[in-house]
Amino acid sequence: MGQRVKTPLAEGVQVEALRVRRWRRDQFYELGFPLADARKLAQSSVDLGAARGIIAKGCPPPLALRILL
């Protein structure tokens, strides 16, 4: 097995995925989740819109975390 060679396209996809994760982390953090929880949520497949919805209806972030994950 040889070494994998990173192509510019593969590197670009990785960079974009990192940008999206950081943006999602920031969005969850702005909703009131602690940074550690915002990171977990950002790395998961949790729907950001669903999180916004339950927070907007008054669900506290600790309970929202349990519901969403």
PDB file of N, CA and C in Angstrom:
ATOM      1  N   MET A   1       0.843  -1.182   0.000  1.00  0.00           N
ATOM      2  CA  MET A   1       0.000   0.000   0.000  1.00  0.00           C
ATOM      3  C   MET A   1       0.885   1.241   0.000  1.00  0.00           C
ATOM      4  N   GLY A   2       0.612   2.136  -0.899  1.00  0.00           N
ATOM      5  CA  GLY A   2       1.386   3.360  -0.991  1.00  0.00           C
ATOM      6  C   GLY A   2       0.772   4.481  -0.166  1.00  0.00           C
ATOM      7  N   GLN A   3       1.484   5.548  -0.111  1.00  0.00           N
ATOM      8  CA  GLN A   3       0.982   6.708   0.610  1.00  0.00           C
ATOM      9  C   GLN A   3      -0.102   7.397  -0.207  1.00  0.00           C
ATOM     10  N   ARG A   4      -1.050   7.973   0.489  1.00  0.00           N
ATOM     11  CA  ARG A   4      -2.077   8.739  -0.194  1.00  0.00           C
ATOM     12  C   ARG A   4      -1.543  10.126  -0.512  1.00  0.00           C
ATOM     13  N   VAL A   5      -1.834  10.558  -1.677  1.00  0.00           N
ATOM     14  CA  VAL A   5      -1.422  11.892  -2.096  1.00  0.00           C
ATOM     15  C   VAL A   5      -2.644  12.800  -2.015  1.00  0.00           C
ATOM     16  N   LYS A   6      -2.500  13.910  -1.301  1.00  0.00           N
ATOM     17  CA  LYS A   6      -3.606  14.856  -1.199  1.00  0.00           C
ATOM     18  C   LYS A   6      -3.666  15.711  -2.453  1.00  0.00           C
ATOM     19  N   THR A   7      -4.820  15.736  -3.034  1.00  0.00           N
ATOM     20  CA  THR A   7      -5.027  16.581  -4.203  1.00  0.00           C
ATOM     21  C   THR A   7      -5.542  17.930  -3.731  1.00  0.00           C
ATOM     22  N   PRO A   8      -5.399  18.958  -4.538  1.00  0.00           N
ATOM     23  CA  PRO A   8      -5.942  20.266  -4.157  1.00  0.00           C
ATOM     24  C   PRO A   8      -7.446  20.201  -3.871  1.00  0.00           C
ATOM     25  N   LEU A   9      -8.170  19.368  -4.607  1.00  0.00           N
ATOM     26  CA  LEU A   9      -9.608  19.227  -4.375  1.00  0.00           C
ATOM     27  C   LEU A   9      -9.876  18.625  -3.002  1.00  0.00           C
ATOM     28  N   ALA A  10      -9.145  17.574  -2.645  1.00  0.00           N
ATOM     29  CA  ALA A  10      -9.326  16.927  -1.340  1.00  0.00           C
ATOM     30  C   ALA A  10      -9.006  17.903  -0.215  1.00  0.00           C
ATOM     31  N   GLU A  11      -7.953  18.670  -0.366  1.00  0.00           N
ATOM     32  CA  GLU A  11      -7.594  19.652   0.656  1.00  0.00           C
ATOM     33  C   GLU A  11      -8.666  20.733   0.760  1.00  0.00           C
ATOM     34  N   GLY A  12      -9.200  21.142  -0.374  1.00  0.00           N
ATOM     35  CA  GLY A  12     -10.255  22.151  -0.376  1.00  0.00           C
ATOM     36  C   GLY A  12     -11.509  21.667   0.327  1.00  0.00           C
ATOM     37  N   VAL A  13     -11.834  20.406   0.126  1.00  0.00           N
ATOM     38  CA  VAL A  13     -13.014  19.820   0.787  1.00  0.00           C
ATOM     39  C   VAL A  13     -12.789  19.778   2.292  1.00  0.00           C
ATOM     40  N   GLN A  14     -11.599  19.404   2.721  1.00  0.00           N
ATOM     41  CA  GLN A  14     -11.291  19.357   4.149  1.00  0.00           C
ATOM     42  C   GLN A  14     -11.367  20.749   4.765  1.00  0.00           C
ATOM     43  N   VAL A  15     -10.851  21.743   4.076  1.00  0.00           N
ATOM     44  CA  VAL A  15     -10.876  23.116   4.573  1.00  0.00           C
ATOM     45  C   VAL A  15     -12.323  23.597   4.708  1.00  0.00           C
ATOM     46  N   GLU A  16     -13.137  23.303   3.710  1.00  0.00           N
ATOM     47  CA  GLU A  16     -14.541  23.721   3.746  1.00  0.00           C
ATOM     48  C   GLU A  16     -15.292  23.006   4.858  1.00  0.00           C
ATOM     49  N   ALA A  17     -15.020  21.730   5.071  1.00  0.00           N
ATOM     50  CA  ALA A  17     -15.672  20.982   6.155  1.00  0.00           C
ATOM     51  C   ALA A  17     -15.312  21.582   7.506  1.00  0.00           C
ATOM     52  N   LEU A  18     -14.067  21.992   7.676  1.00  0.00           N
ATOM     53  CA  LEU A  18     -13.637  22.632   8.918  1.00  0.00           C
ATOM     54  C   LEU A  18     -14.345  23.969   9.106  1.00  0.00           C
ATOM     55  N   ARG A  19     -14.487  24.741   8.040  1.00  0.00           N
ATOM     56  CA  ARG A  19     -15.199  26.022   8.116  1.00  0.00           C
ATOM     57  C   ARG A  19     -16.646  25.825   8.543  1.00  0.00           C
ATOM     58  N   VAL A  20     -17.279  24.816   7.979  1.00  0.00           N
ATOM     59  CA  VAL A  20     -18.682  24.539   8.311  1.00  0.00           C
ATOM     60  C   VAL A  20     -18.803  24.128   9.768  1.00  0.00           C
ATOM     61  N   ARG A  21     -17.911  23.250  10.240  1.00  0.00           N
ATOM     62  CA  ARG A  21     -17.948  22.839  11.649  1.00  0.00           C
ATOM     63  C   ARG A  21     -17.758  24.032  12.573  1.00  0.00           C
ATOM     64  N   ARG A  22     -16.836  24.920  12.245  1.00  0.00           N
ATOM     65  CA  ARG A  22     -16.604  26.107  13.081  1.00  0.00           C
ATOM     66  C   ARG A  22     -17.822  27.021  13.080  1.00  0.00           C
ATOM     67  N   TRP A  23     -18.430  27.185  11.907  1.00  0.00           N
ATOM     68  CA  TRP A  23     -19.630  28.022  11.811  1.00  0.00           C
ATOM     69  C   TRP A  23     -20.756  27.418  12.646  1.00  0.00           C
ATOM     70  N   ARG A  24     -20.936  26.096  12.535  1.00  0.00           N
ATOM     71  CA  ARG A  24     -21.977  25.426  13.323  1.00  0.00           C
ATOM     72  C   ARG A  24     -21.690  25.566  14.811  1.00  0.00           C
ATOM     73  N   ARG A  25     -20.427  25.398  15.215  1.00  0.00           N
ATOM     74  CA  ARG A  25     -20.059  25.568  16.626  1.00  0.00           C
ATOM     75  C   ARG A  25     -20.435  26.962  17.110  1.00  0.00           C
ATOM     76  N   ASP A  26     -20.112  27.968  16.320  1.00  0.00           N
ATOM     77  CA  ASP A  26     -20.425  29.347  16.697  1.00  0.00           C
ATOM     78  C   ASP A  26     -21.930  29.567  16.804  1.00  0.00           C
ATOM     79  N   GLN A  27     -22.684  28.961  15.893  1.00  0.00           N
ATOM     80  CA  GLN A  27     -24.142  29.101  15.920  1.00  0.00           C
ATOM     81  C   GLN A  27     -24.729  28.457  17.176  1.00  0.00           C
ATOM     82  N   PHE A  28     -24.288  27.260  17.526  1.00  0.00           N
ATOM     83  CA  PHE A  28     -24.773  26.594  18.731  1.00  0.00           C
ATOM     84  C   PHE A  28     -24.358  27.378  19.980  1.00  0.00           C
ATOM     85  N   TYR A  29     -23.162  27.915  19.976  1.00  0.00           N
ATOM     86  CA  TYR A  29     -22.678  28.715  21.108  1.00  0.00           C
ATOM     87  C   TYR A  29     -23.547  29.965  21.281  1.00  0.00           C
ATOM     88  N   GLU A  30     -23.873  30.618  20.181  1.00  0.00           N
ATOM     89  CA  GLU A  30     -24.709  31.818  20.242  1.00  0.00           C
ATOM     90  C   GLU A  30     -26.127  31.507  20.721  1.00  0.00           C
ATOM     91  N   LEU A  31     -26.549  30.258  20.564  1.00  0.00           N
ATOM     92  CA  LEU A  31     -27.860  29.851  21.074  1.00  0.00           C
ATOM     93  C   LEU A  31     -27.851  29.666  22.591  1.00  0.00           C
ATOM     94  N   GLY A  32     -26.655  29.658  23.181  1.00  0.00           N
ATOM     95  CA  GLY A  32     -26.566  29.543  24.635  1.00  0.00           C
ATOM     96  C   GLY A  32     -25.936  28.264  25.143  1.00  0.00           C
ATOM     97  N   PHE A  33     -25.490  27.406  24.235  1.00  0.00           N
ATOM     98  CA  PHE A  33     -24.821  26.178  24.667  1.00  0.00           C
ATOM     99  C   PHE A  33     -23.394  26.509  25.100  1.00  0.00           C
ATOM    100  N   PRO A  34     -22.918  25.867  26.183  1.00  0.00           N
ATOM    101  CA  PRO A  34     -21.508  26.053  26.549  1.00  0.00           C
ATOM    102  C   PRO A  34     -20.615  25.602  25.386  1.00  0.00           C
ATOM    103  N   LEU A  35     -19.418  26.135  25.324  1.00  0.00           N
ATOM    104  CA  LEU A  35     -18.521  25.864  24.207  1.00  0.00           C
ATOM    105  C   LEU A  35     -18.295  24.367  23.977  1.00  0.00           C
ATOM    106  N   ALA A  36     -18.081  23.608  25.040  1.00  0.00           N
ATOM    107  CA  ALA A  36     -17.849  22.163  24.884  1.00  0.00           C
ATOM    108  C   ALA A  36     -19.058  21.483  24.249  1.00  0.00           C
ATOM    109  N   ASP A  37     -20.253  21.874  24.679  1.00  0.00           N
ATOM    110  CA  ASP A  37     -21.473  21.295  24.106  1.00  0.00           C
ATOM    111  C   ASP A  37     -21.676  21.772  22.668  1.00  0.00           C
ATOM    112  N   ALA A  38     -21.350  23.027  22.411  1.00  0.00           N
ATOM    113  CA  ALA A  38     -21.466  23.562  21.049  1.00  0.00           C
ATOM    114  C   ALA A  38     -20.561  22.785  20.098  1.00  0.00           C
ATOM    115  N   ARG A  39     -19.379  22.416  20.569  1.00  0.00           N
ATOM    116  CA  ARG A  39     -18.461  21.616  19.748  1.00  0.00           C
ATOM    117  C   ARG A  39     -19.057  20.245  19.440  1.00  0.00           C
ATOM    118  N   LYS A  40     -19.624  19.595  20.483  1.00  0.00           N
ATOM    119  CA  LYS A  40     -20.244  18.282  20.280  1.00  0.00           C
ATOM    120  C   LYS A  40     -21.370  18.365  19.266  1.00  0.00           C
ATOM    121  N   LEU A  41     -22.214  19.365  19.425  1.00  0.00           N
ATOM    122  CA  LEU A  41     -23.343  19.531  18.521  1.00  0.00           C
ATOM    123  C   LEU A  41     -22.872  19.810  17.100  1.00  0.00           C
ATOM    124  N   ALA A  42     -21.848  20.639  16.967  1.00  0.00           N
ATOM    125  CA  ALA A  42     -21.338  20.990  15.640  1.00  0.00           C
ATOM    126  C   ALA A  42     -20.786  19.774  14.906  1.00  0.00           C
ATOM    127  N   GLN A  43     -20.209  18.843  15.637  1.00  0.00           N
ATOM    128  CA  GLN A  43     -19.623  17.656  15.023  1.00  0.00           C
ATOM    129  C   GLN A  43     -20.656  16.570  14.752  1.00  0.00           C
ATOM    130  N   SER A  44     -21.850  16.756  15.288  1.00  0.00           N
ATOM    131  CA  SER A  44     -22.907  15.761  15.107  1.00  0.00           C
ATOM    132  C   SER A  44     -23.760  16.106  13.891  1.00  0.00           C
ATOM    133  N   SER A  45     -24.762  15.299  13.669  1.00  0.00           N
ATOM    134  CA  SER A  45     -25.689  15.562  12.563  1.00  0.00           C
ATOM    135  C   SER A  45     -26.941  16.306  13.047  1.00  0.00           C
ATOM    136  N   VAL A  46     -26.873  16.869  14.251  1.00  0.00           N
ATOM    137  CA  VAL A  46     -28.014  17.595  14.809  1.00  0.00           C
ATOM    138  C   VAL A  46     -28.405  18.745  13.879  1.00  0.00           C
ATOM    139  N   ASP A  47     -29.695  18.876  13.655  1.00  0.00           N
ATOM    140  CA  ASP A  47     -30.229  19.930  12.804  1.00  0.00           C
ATOM    141  C   ASP A  47     -30.200  21.264  13.565  1.00  0.00           C
ATOM    142  N   LEU A  48     -29.457  22.211  13.046  1.00  0.00           N
ATOM    143  CA  LEU A  48     -29.341  23.522  13.681  1.00  0.00           C
ATOM    144  C   LEU A  48     -30.703  24.212  13.771  1.00  0.00           C
ATOM    145  N   GLY A  49     -31.522  24.057  12.760  1.00  0.00           N
ATOM    146  CA  GLY A  49     -32.858  24.640  12.773  1.00  0.00           C
ATOM    147  C   GLY A  49     -33.715  24.084  13.892  1.00  0.00           C
ATOM    148  N   ALA A  50     -33.586  22.783  14.152  1.00  0.00           N
ATOM    149  CA  ALA A  50     -34.326  22.163  15.259  1.00  0.00           C
ATOM    150  C   ALA A  50     -33.851  22.735  16.588  1.00  0.00           C
ATOM    151  N   ALA A  51     -32.544  22.915  16.721  1.00  0.00           N
ATOM    152  CA  ALA A  51     -31.998  23.489  17.949  1.00  0.00           C
ATOM    153  C   ALA A  51     -32.507  24.912  18.137  1.00  0.00           C
ATOM    154  N   ARG A  52     -32.505  25.694  17.077  1.00  0.00           N
ATOM    155  CA  ARG A  52     -33.017  27.065  17.168  1.00  0.00           C
ATOM    156  C   ARG A  52     -34.482  27.069  17.593  1.00  0.00           C
ATOM    157  N   GLY A  53     -35.246  26.143  17.030  1.00  0.00           N
ATOM    158  CA  GLY A  53     -36.663  26.073  17.326  1.00  0.00           C
ATOM    159  C   GLY A  53     -36.961  25.765  18.779  1.00  0.00           C
ATOM    160  N   ILE A  54     -36.301  24.760  19.334  1.00  0.00           N
ATOM    161  CA  ILE A  54     -36.620  24.414  20.718  1.00  0.00           C
ATOM    162  C   ILE A  54     -36.067  25.441  21.705  1.00  0.00           C
ATOM    163  N   ILE A  55     -34.940  26.061  21.374  1.00  0.00           N
ATOM    164  CA  ILE A  55     -34.415  27.131  22.230  1.00  0.00           C
ATOM    165  C   ILE A  55     -35.366  28.331  22.187  1.00  0.00           C
ATOM    166  N   ALA A  56     -35.869  28.664  21.000  1.00  0.00           N
ATOM    167  CA  ALA A  56     -36.789  29.799  20.852  1.00  0.00           C
ATOM    168  C   ALA A  56     -38.084  29.578  21.629  1.00  0.00           C
ATOM    169  N   LYS A  57     -38.455  28.318  21.820  1.00  0.00           N
ATOM    170  CA  LYS A  57     -39.680  28.008  22.570  1.00  0.00           C
ATOM    171  C   LYS A  57     -39.445  27.957  24.068  1.00  0.00           C
ATOM    172  N   GLY A  58     -38.209  28.253  24.487  1.00  0.00           N
ATOM    173  CA  GLY A  58     -37.910  28.352  25.916  1.00  0.00           C
ATOM    174  C   GLY A  58     -37.219  27.160  26.534  1.00  0.00           C
ATOM    175  N   CYS A  59     -36.832  26.202  25.739  1.00  0.00           N
ATOM    176  CA  CYS A  59     -36.133  25.033  26.272  1.00  0.00           C
ATOM    177  C   CYS A  59     -34.727  25.451  26.705  1.00  0.00           C
ATOM    178  N   PRO A  60     -34.353  25.177  27.948  1.00  0.00           N
ATOM    179  CA  PRO A  60     -32.997  25.540  28.378  1.00  0.00           C
ATOM    180  C   PRO A  60     -31.948  24.686  27.659  1.00  0.00           C
ATOM    181  N   PRO A  61     -30.788  25.273  27.381  1.00  0.00           N
ATOM    182  CA  PRO A  61     -29.747  24.538  26.646  1.00  0.00           C
ATOM    183  C   PRO A  61     -29.382  23.159  27.207  1.00  0.00           C
ATOM    184  N   PRO A  62     -29.273  22.971  28.532  1.00  0.00           N
ATOM    185  CA  PRO A  62     -28.921  21.610  28.999  1.00  0.00           C
ATOM    186  C   PRO A  62     -29.970  20.563  28.599  1.00  0.00           C
ATOM    187  N   LEU A  63     -31.241  20.924  28.700  1.00  0.00           N
ATOM    188  CA  LEU A  63     -32.300  19.998  28.296  1.00  0.00           C
ATOM    189  C   LEU A  63     -32.313  19.845  26.762  1.00  0.00           C
ATOM    190  N   ALA A  64     -32.120  20.927  26.056  1.00  0.00           N
ATOM    191  CA  ALA A  64     -32.081  20.869  24.595  1.00  0.00           C
ATOM    192  C   ALA A  64     -30.965  19.932  24.135  1.00  0.00           C
ATOM    193  N   LEU A  65     -29.831  19.979  24.802  1.00  0.00           N
ATOM    194  CA  LEU A  65     -28.710  19.098  24.457  1.00  0.00           C
ATOM    195  C   LEU A  65     -29.133  17.641  24.579  1.00  0.00           C
ATOM    196  N   ARG A  66     -29.811  17.315  25.675  1.00  0.00           N
ATOM    197  CA  ARG A  66     -30.264  15.932  25.892  1.00  0.00           C
ATOM    198  C   ARG A  66     -31.267  15.505  24.832  1.00  0.00           C
ATOM    199  N   ILE A  67     -32.133  16.409  24.445  1.00  0.00           N
ATOM    200  CA  ILE A  67     -33.146  16.098  23.430  1.00  0.00           C
ATOM    201  C   ILE A  67     -32.487  15.905  22.068  1.00  0.00           C
ATOM    202  N   LEU A  68     -31.584  16.810  21.726  1.00  0.00           N
ATOM    203  CA  LEU A  68     -30.987  16.812  20.390  1.00  0.00           C
ATOM    204  C   LEU A  68     -29.999  15.673  20.164  1.00  0.00           C
ATOM    205  N   LEU A  69     -29.265  15.328  21.206  1.00  0.00           N
ATOM    206  CA  LEU A  69     -28.293  14.232  21.048  1.00  0.00           C
ATOM    207  C   LEU A  69     -28.941  12.939  21.462  1.00  0.00           C
TER     208      LEU A  69
END
